[in-house]
Amino acid sequence: MAKIQSVELLSIPEVINAGDDISDLTVILDIEFHDLDIKLQMEYCLHIFIYDIHGKVDSPLVIPNWDESTVISISSDRKDDFLGSASKVIVAENKNETMEIPLTLKLGRFEQRNTYNSRKLEVFATIAPAIGRASKWSAPFESRIVF
């Protein structure tokens, strides 16, 4: 099983202009692979989720489904804003890998319900193996009740 050693966010703009549509960021990840991962050339899908944090960090509930994994945030105070995500399929070939994932976000767009003075960005990274657990919710089904 792979292990994410570190996650860093680079190229964060010091000033964000309200209404700007494009902000280029880079996420740097250090991943360590198990010897069996390398021997079997295990395939993983790396998922990156970026949030604007508004207090305590929302607890992430990961629903892994390899290349379409999702995160549901469980808020303990003010709900964090989801800003964007990226995914990348990787193959375990070396013991340690450093990856740069470029992202373009719309940091100048704001939710109507909040007042903003700054953005506190945090990155949540997770990797799902090609062989492992898979999960998915069904589409909602609704039935009428008659009396």
C-alpha atoms as a PDB file:
ATOM      1  CA  MET A   1       0.000   0.000   0.000  1.00  0.00           C
ATOM      2  CA  ALA A   2       1.309   3.431  -0.888  1.00  0.00           C
ATOM      3  CA  LYS A   3       1.822   6.187   1.662  1.00  0.00           C
ATOM      4  CA  ILE A   4       1.473   9.925   1.066  1.00  0.00           C
ATOM      5  CA  GLN A   5       4.450  11.430   2.900  1.00  0.00           C
ATOM      6  CA  SER A   6       3.700  15.115   2.304  1.00  0.00           C
ATOM      7  CA  VAL A   7       1.374  17.498   0.471  1.00  0.00           C
ATOM      8  CA  GLU A   8       2.334  21.110  -0.270  1.00  0.00           C
ATOM      9  CA  LEU A   9       0.603  23.919  -2.102  1.00  0.00           C
ATOM     10  CA  LEU A  10       2.880  26.222  -4.114  1.00  0.00           C
ATOM     11  CA  SER A  11       2.422  29.346  -6.223  1.00  0.00           C
ATOM     12  CA  ILE A  12      -0.308  30.731  -3.977  1.00  0.00           C
ATOM     13  CA  PRO A  13      -1.116  34.302  -5.020  1.00  0.00           C
ATOM     14  CA  GLU A  14      -0.492  36.847  -2.247  1.00  0.00           C
ATOM     15  CA  VAL A  15      -3.441  38.909  -3.448  1.00  0.00           C
ATOM     16  CA  ILE A  16      -6.615  37.614  -5.114  1.00  0.00           C
ATOM     17  CA  ASN A  17      -8.628  40.081  -7.158  1.00  0.00           C
ATOM     18  CA  ALA A  18     -12.383  39.659  -6.743  1.00  0.00           C
ATOM     19  CA  GLY A  19     -13.838  38.427 -10.014  1.00  0.00           C
ATOM     20  CA  ASP A  20     -10.585  36.891 -11.342  1.00  0.00           C
ATOM     21  CA  ASP A  21     -11.326  33.646 -13.124  1.00  0.00           C
ATOM     22  CA  ILE A  22      -7.853  32.150 -13.269  1.00  0.00           C
ATOM     23  CA  SER A  23      -5.402  31.383 -10.474  1.00  0.00           C
ATOM     24  CA  ASP A  24      -2.635  28.893 -11.273  1.00  0.00           C
ATOM     25  CA  LEU A  25      -1.459  26.753  -8.340  1.00  0.00           C
ATOM     26  CA  THR A  26       0.848  23.767  -8.013  1.00  0.00           C
ATOM     27  CA  VAL A  27       0.466  20.871  -5.591  1.00  0.00           C
ATOM     28  CA  ILE A  28       3.645  18.953  -4.688  1.00  0.00           C
ATOM     29  CA  LEU A  29       3.257  15.427  -3.306  1.00  0.00           C
ATOM     30  CA  ASP A  30       5.802  12.976  -1.965  1.00  0.00           C
ATOM     31  CA  ILE A  31       4.586   9.381  -2.155  1.00  0.00           C
ATOM     32  CA  GLU A  32       6.315   6.273  -0.846  1.00  0.00           C
ATOM     33  CA  PHE A  33       5.419   2.923  -2.381  1.00  0.00           C
ATOM     34  CA  HIS A  34       5.608  -0.441  -0.635  1.00  0.00           C
ATOM     35  CA  ASP A  35       8.014  -2.995  -2.117  1.00  0.00           C
ATOM     36  CA  LEU A  36       5.058  -5.122  -3.281  1.00  0.00           C
ATOM     37  CA  ASP A  37       3.585  -2.093  -5.082  1.00  0.00           C
ATOM     38  CA  ILE A  38       6.812  -1.754  -7.065  1.00  0.00           C
ATOM     39  CA  LYS A  39       7.143  -5.486  -7.727  1.00  0.00           C
ATOM     40  CA  LEU A  40       3.569  -5.686  -9.052  1.00  0.00           C
ATOM     41  CA  GLN A  41       3.728  -2.243 -10.703  1.00  0.00           C
ATOM     42  CA  MET A  42       0.551  -1.386  -8.832  1.00  0.00           C
ATOM     43  CA  GLU A  43      -1.636   1.273 -10.374  1.00  0.00           C
ATOM     44  CA  TYR A  44      -3.196   4.009  -8.245  1.00  0.00           C
ATOM     45  CA  CYS A  45      -5.406   6.975  -8.910  1.00  0.00           C
ATOM     46  CA  LEU A  46      -4.312  10.084  -7.061  1.00  0.00           C
ATOM     47  CA  HIS A  47      -7.087  12.516  -6.095  1.00  0.00           C
ATOM     48  CA  ILE A  48      -6.519  16.081  -4.948  1.00  0.00           C
ATOM     49  CA  PHE A  49      -9.264  18.228  -3.413  1.00  0.00           C
ATOM     50  CA  ILE A  50      -8.730  21.922  -2.584  1.00  0.00           C
ATOM     51  CA  TYR A  51     -10.778  23.760   0.030  1.00  0.00           C
ATOM     52  CA  ASP A  52     -11.068  27.257   1.467  1.00  0.00           C
ATOM     53  CA  ILE A  53     -11.130  26.604   5.224  1.00  0.00           C
ATOM     54  CA  HIS A  54     -13.488  28.718   7.365  1.00  0.00           C
ATOM     55  CA  GLY A  55     -12.630  27.594  10.900  1.00  0.00           C
ATOM     56  CA  LYS A  56     -12.060  24.007  11.958  1.00  0.00           C
ATOM     57  CA  VAL A  57     -11.162  21.761   9.020  1.00  0.00           C
ATOM     58  CA  ASP A  58     -14.156  19.692   7.885  1.00  0.00           C
ATOM     59  CA  SER A  59     -13.564  15.971   8.469  1.00  0.00           C
ATOM     60  CA  PRO A  60     -13.276  14.218   5.103  1.00  0.00           C
ATOM     61  CA  LEU A  61     -15.292  11.088   4.419  1.00  0.00           C
ATOM     62  CA  VAL A  62     -13.608   9.411   1.432  1.00  0.00           C
ATOM     63  CA  ILE A  63     -15.699   7.221  -0.836  1.00  0.00           C
ATOM     64  CA  PRO A  64     -12.995   5.396  -2.853  1.00  0.00           C
ATOM     65  CA  ASN A  65     -13.903   4.173  -6.329  1.00  0.00           C
ATOM     66  CA  TRP A  66     -10.493   4.285  -7.997  1.00  0.00           C
ATOM     67  CA  ASP A  67     -10.693   6.959 -10.714  1.00  0.00           C
ATOM     68  CA  GLU A  68     -13.913   8.611  -9.507  1.00  0.00           C
ATOM     69  CA  SER A  69     -13.415   8.783  -5.750  1.00  0.00           C
ATOM     70  CA  THR A  70     -15.280  11.520  -3.906  1.00  0.00           C
ATOM     71  CA  VAL A  71     -14.956  13.308  -0.591  1.00  0.00           C
ATOM     72  CA  ILE A  72     -17.906  14.305   1.563  1.00  0.00           C
ATOM     73  CA  SER A  73     -17.096  16.943   4.160  1.00  0.00           C
ATOM     74  CA  ILE A  74     -18.473  16.583   7.668  1.00  0.00           C
ATOM     75  CA  SER A  75     -18.574  20.088   9.127  1.00  0.00           C
ATOM     76  CA  SER A  76     -18.080  20.811  12.817  1.00  0.00           C
ATOM     77  CA  ASP A  77     -18.625  24.591  12.533  1.00  0.00           C
ATOM     78  CA  ARG A  78     -18.623  26.754   9.370  1.00  0.00           C
ATOM     79  CA  LYS A  79     -18.727  24.669   6.193  1.00  0.00           C
ATOM     80  CA  ASP A  80     -15.546  24.879   4.095  1.00  0.00           C
ATOM     81  CA  ASP A  81     -15.796  25.882   0.419  1.00  0.00           C
ATOM     82  CA  PHE A  82     -14.793  23.233  -2.127  1.00  0.00           C
ATOM     83  CA  LEU A  83     -12.685  25.005  -4.775  1.00  0.00           C
ATOM     84  CA  GLY A  84     -11.606  22.270  -7.166  1.00  0.00           C
ATOM     85  CA  SER A  85      -9.973  18.922  -7.723  1.00  0.00           C
ATOM     86  CA  ALA A  86      -7.584  16.988  -9.927  1.00  0.00           C
ATOM     87  CA  SER A  87      -6.951  13.313 -10.574  1.00  0.00           C
ATOM     88  CA  LYS A  88      -3.970  11.469 -12.002  1.00  0.00           C
ATOM     89  CA  VAL A  89      -3.316   7.763 -12.596  1.00  0.00           C
ATOM     90  CA  ILE A  90       0.124   6.715 -11.338  1.00  0.00           C
ATOM     91  CA  VAL A  91       2.095   3.469 -11.470  1.00  0.00           C
ATOM     92  CA  ALA A  92       4.418   2.348  -8.668  1.00  0.00           C
ATOM     93  CA  GLU A  93       7.854   2.097 -10.260  1.00  0.00           C
ATOM     94  CA  ASN A  94      10.194   3.651  -7.671  1.00  0.00           C
ATOM     95  CA  LYS A  95      10.290   3.570  -3.873  1.00  0.00           C
ATOM     96  CA  ASN A  96       9.727   7.339  -3.615  1.00  0.00           C
ATOM     97  CA  GLU A  97       8.009   9.636  -6.097  1.00  0.00           C
ATOM     98  CA  THR A  98       7.655  13.407  -6.040  1.00  0.00           C
ATOM     99  CA  MET A  99       4.853  14.741  -8.200  1.00  0.00           C
ATOM    100  CA  GLU A 100       3.856  18.210  -9.293  1.00  0.00           C
ATOM    101  CA  ILE A 101       0.188  18.626 -10.114  1.00  0.00           C
ATOM    102  CA  PRO A 102      -0.742  21.957 -11.761  1.00  0.00           C
ATOM    103  CA  LEU A 103      -4.220  23.327 -11.055  1.00  0.00           C
ATOM    104  CA  THR A 104      -6.174  26.299 -12.318  1.00  0.00           C
ATOM    105  CA  LEU A 105      -8.824  27.554  -9.906  1.00  0.00           C
ATOM    106  CA  LYS A 106     -11.247  30.465  -9.812  1.00  0.00           C
ATOM    107  CA  LEU A 107     -10.093  31.952  -6.508  1.00  0.00           C
ATOM    108  CA  GLY A 108     -11.693  35.335  -7.277  1.00  0.00           C
ATOM    109  CA  ARG A 109     -15.218  33.898  -7.291  1.00  0.00           C
ATOM    110  CA  PHE A 110     -16.970  33.946  -3.952  1.00  0.00           C
ATOM    111  CA  GLU A 111     -20.043  32.413  -2.362  1.00  0.00           C
ATOM    112  CA  GLN A 112     -22.833  34.946  -1.854  1.00  0.00           C
ATOM    113  CA  ARG A 113     -23.509  33.805   1.720  1.00  0.00           C
ATOM    114  CA  ASN A 114     -20.072  34.714   3.106  1.00  0.00           C
ATOM    115  CA  THR A 115     -17.935  37.804   3.627  1.00  0.00           C
ATOM    116  CA  TYR A 116     -14.312  37.395   2.556  1.00  0.00           C
ATOM    117  CA  ASN A 117     -11.115  39.061   3.723  1.00  0.00           C
ATOM    118  CA  SER A 118      -8.788  36.234   2.720  1.00  0.00           C
ATOM    119  CA  ARG A 119      -8.664  32.641   1.577  1.00  0.00           C
ATOM    120  CA  LYS A 120      -7.163  29.877   3.730  1.00  0.00           C
ATOM    121  CA  LEU A 121      -6.397  27.127   1.233  1.00  0.00           C
ATOM    122  CA  GLU A 122      -5.744  23.522   2.173  1.00  0.00           C
ATOM    123  CA  VAL A 123      -5.245  20.458   0.017  1.00  0.00           C
ATOM    124  CA  PHE A 124      -6.576  16.985   0.787  1.00  0.00           C
ATOM    125  CA  ALA A 125      -4.866  14.195  -1.171  1.00  0.00           C
ATOM    126  CA  THR A 126      -5.839  10.550  -1.310  1.00  0.00           C
ATOM    127  CA  ILE A 127      -4.815   7.613  -3.489  1.00  0.00           C
ATOM    128  CA  ALA A 128      -7.015   4.689  -4.407  1.00  0.00           C
ATOM    129  CA  PRO A 129      -5.421   1.429  -5.597  1.00  0.00           C
ATOM    130  CA  ALA A 130      -6.669  -0.304  -8.738  1.00  0.00           C
ATOM    131  CA  ILE A 131      -7.036  -3.423  -6.585  1.00  0.00           C
ATOM    132  CA  GLY A 132      -8.785  -2.564  -3.364  1.00  0.00           C
ATOM    133  CA  ARG A 133     -12.031  -1.221  -2.027  1.00  0.00           C
ATOM    134  CA  ALA A 134     -14.551   0.391  -4.377  1.00  0.00           C
ATOM    135  CA  SER A 135     -17.645   2.281  -3.245  1.00  0.00           C
ATOM    136  CA  LYS A 136     -20.444   4.199  -4.898  1.00  0.00           C
ATOM    137  CA  TRP A 137     -23.824   5.647  -3.976  1.00  0.00           C
ATOM    138  CA  SER A 138     -26.858   4.886  -6.120  1.00  0.00           C
ATOM    139  CA  ALA A 139     -28.813   7.647  -7.808  1.00  0.00           C
ATOM    140  CA  PRO A 140     -31.607   8.879  -5.518  1.00  0.00           C
ATOM    141  CA  PHE A 141     -34.917   7.099  -5.862  1.00  0.00           C
ATOM    142  CA  GLU A 142     -38.098   8.767  -4.768  1.00  0.00           C
ATOM    143  CA  SER A 143     -41.587   7.360  -4.357  1.00  0.00           C
ATOM    144  CA  ARG A 144     -44.785   9.178  -3.630  1.00  0.00           C
ATOM    145  CA  ILE A 145     -46.830   8.326  -0.584  1.00  0.00           C
ATOM    146  CA  VAL A 146     -50.589   8.145  -0.973  1.00  0.00           C
ATOM    147  CA  PHE A 147     -53.231   7.929   1.720  1.00  0.00           C
END
